[in-house]
Amino acid sequence: MTAPDTAMLAPVHKIARFIAGGGDENLSAFADRDVAILENFAPYLFTGPDAVTRWAAGMRAHAQTLSDMQHSFGAAQDFARDGDIAYFSLPTHWRGASNGVAFAEDGGWAFVLIRKNGEWRVRNYGWSVTNLVRL
């Protein structure tokens, strides 16, 4: 295998839908423990047993000014898998509005997934904005 398959990408899509305002059920995309999330809003690094809960609250606050969020993914890069652990980076494009001002944002997500009971979940991710344009 040279790229993540549909099952590996499923939790990533769930997280993107959560960011776009898609509801709490998408938090099931994360692993049960050992989660670490690197984001572009304070406190920037979310770790510990309540990492997902704190990240979700932070993301909700961060997204209060956002509307019409839509995402698309480029081809995954740098894929590697070792049994029930996988890594890949994913070019990502967001479009939406912040405080009513349209924007387009490019960035990259680096993911570590873990498979438990036949299901892939996100253990870690780091987000980085690489280009932001106000339209």
Protein backbone atom coordinates (compact mmCIF):
# COMPACT_ATOMS: atom_id res chain seq x y z
CA MET A 1 0.00 0.00 0.00
CA THR A 2 1.41 3.40 -1.00
CA ALA A 3 -1.37 5.70 0.21
CA PRO A 4 -4.04 5.76 2.92
CA ASP A 5 -7.15 3.85 1.95
CA THR A 6 -10.77 4.94 2.41
CA ALA A 7 -10.93 3.52 5.94
CA MET A 8 -7.84 5.50 6.98
CA LEU A 9 -9.24 8.72 5.53
CA ALA A 10 -12.65 8.29 7.20
CA PRO A 11 -11.63 9.75 10.59
CA VAL A 12 -9.91 12.66 8.84
CA HIS A 13 -13.14 13.50 7.00
CA LYS A 14 -15.02 13.31 10.31
CA ILE A 15 -12.66 15.82 11.91
CA ALA A 16 -12.93 18.16 8.92
CA ARG A 17 -16.74 17.99 9.16
CA PHE A 18 -16.51 18.82 12.87
CA ILE A 19 -14.33 21.85 12.09
CA ALA A 20 -16.85 22.94 9.45
CA GLY A 21 -19.65 22.73 12.03
CA GLY A 22 -20.73 19.13 11.58
CA GLY A 23 -21.45 18.12 15.19
CA ASP A 24 -19.99 16.28 18.15
CA GLU A 25 -20.49 12.77 16.79
CA ASN A 26 -17.38 13.34 14.71
CA LEU A 27 -15.21 13.35 17.83
CA SER A 28 -15.34 9.55 17.64
CA ALA A 29 -12.65 9.97 14.98
CA PHE A 30 -10.04 10.25 17.74
CA ALA A 31 -8.28 7.45 19.60
CA ASP A 32 -9.36 6.63 23.14
CA ARG A 33 -6.04 7.67 24.68
CA ASP A 34 -2.57 9.12 24.00
CA VAL A 35 -4.01 11.84 21.76
CA ALA A 36 -1.89 14.91 20.98
CA ILE A 37 -3.15 17.70 18.71
CA LEU A 38 -1.08 20.62 17.44
CA GLU A 39 -3.28 23.53 16.26
CA ASN A 40 -3.04 27.17 15.27
CA PHE A 41 -5.05 28.46 18.25
CA ALA A 42 -4.15 28.63 21.94
CA PRO A 43 -2.96 26.71 23.79
CA TYR A 44 -1.68 25.22 20.46
CA LEU A 45 -0.80 21.81 21.92
CA PHE A 46 -3.59 19.64 23.32
CA THR A 47 -2.41 16.57 25.25
CA GLY A 48 -3.49 14.48 28.21
CA PRO A 49 -6.62 12.50 29.00
CA ASP A 50 -8.93 15.41 28.11
CA ALA A 51 -7.06 16.53 24.99
CA VAL A 52 -9.97 15.93 22.60
CA THR A 53 -12.51 17.65 24.86
CA ARG A 54 -10.29 20.72 25.29
CA TRP A 55 -9.46 20.81 21.57
CA ALA A 56 -13.17 20.57 20.67
CA ALA A 57 -14.03 23.47 22.99
CA GLY A 58 -11.14 25.48 21.56
CA MET A 59 -12.16 24.69 18.00
CA ARG A 60 -15.76 25.73 18.69
CA ALA A 61 -14.52 29.06 20.10
CA HIS A 62 -12.05 29.47 17.20
CA ALA A 63 -14.80 28.77 14.67
CA GLN A 64 -17.42 31.15 16.10
CA THR A 65 -16.55 33.77 13.49
CA LEU A 66 -16.35 31.26 10.64
CA SER A 67 -19.11 30.44 8.17
CA ASP A 68 -19.64 28.53 4.94
CA MET A 69 -16.61 26.33 5.62
CA GLN A 70 -15.75 23.84 2.89
CA HIS A 71 -12.68 21.64 2.60
CA SER A 72 -10.93 19.56 -0.02
CA PHE A 73 -7.91 17.31 0.24
CA GLY A 74 -4.99 16.85 -2.10
CA ALA A 75 -3.22 13.54 -2.55
CA ALA A 76 -1.72 12.18 0.66
CA GLN A 77 2.05 12.45 0.90
CA ASP A 78 4.75 10.52 2.77
CA PHE A 79 2.54 7.54 3.65
CA ALA A 80 3.97 4.88 5.95
CA ARG A 81 2.40 2.03 7.86
CA ASP A 82 3.72 -0.29 10.53
CA GLY A 83 1.01 -2.79 11.45
CA ASP A 84 -1.77 -0.93 13.26
CA ILE A 85 -0.07 2.47 13.11
CA ALA A 86 0.00 4.68 10.03
CA TYR A 87 1.40 8.11 9.15
CA PHE A 88 0.71 10.49 6.28
CA SER A 89 0.56 14.17 5.50
CA LEU A 90 -2.45 15.62 3.75
CA PRO A 91 -2.55 18.86 1.76
CA THR A 92 -5.80 20.60 2.66
CA HIS A 93 -7.70 23.54 1.19
CA TRP A 94 -10.34 25.45 3.15
CA ARG A 95 -12.75 28.07 1.84
CA GLY A 96 -15.16 30.05 3.92
CA ALA A 97 -15.66 33.39 5.60
CA SER A 98 -14.31 34.90 8.80
CA ASN A 99 -16.39 37.73 10.22
CA GLY A 100 -18.08 37.94 6.84
CA VAL A 101 -14.83 38.25 4.87
CA ALA A 102 -14.27 35.41 2.39
CA PHE A 103 -10.97 33.57 2.52
CA ALA A 104 -9.10 30.64 1.03
CA GLU A 105 -6.55 28.79 3.15
CA ASP A 106 -4.07 26.11 2.21
CA GLY A 107 -2.33 24.00 4.77
CA GLY A 108 -1.11 20.60 5.69
CA TRP A 109 -2.14 18.06 8.26
CA ALA A 110 0.30 15.43 9.49
CA PHE A 111 -1.58 12.45 10.94
CA VAL A 112 -0.71 9.43 13.04
CA LEU A 113 -3.52 6.88 13.01
CA ILE A 114 -3.98 3.82 15.15
CA ARG A 115 -6.20 0.87 14.32
CA LYS A 116 -8.15 -0.70 17.15
CA ASN A 117 -10.86 -3.32 16.73
CA GLY A 118 -10.55 -2.95 12.96
CA GLU A 119 -11.23 0.80 12.95
CA TRP A 120 -8.73 3.57 12.21
CA ARG A 121 -8.68 6.56 14.57
CA VAL A 122 -6.55 9.67 14.83
CA ARG A 123 -4.01 9.51 17.64
CA ASN A 124 -2.11 12.65 16.68
CA TYR A 125 -2.30 15.45 14.21
CA GLY A 126 -0.51 18.70 13.54
CA TRP A 127 -1.98 21.51 11.45
CA SER A 128 -0.02 24.17 9.59
CA VAL A 129 -1.30 27.01 7.42
CA THR A 130 0.89 27.44 4.35
CA ASN A 131 -1.08 30.14 2.52
CA LEU A 132 -4.00 32.43 3.47
CA VAL A 133 -5.76 34.74 1.03
CA ARG A 134 -8.61 37.08 1.87
CA LEU A 135 -10.94 37.22 -1.12
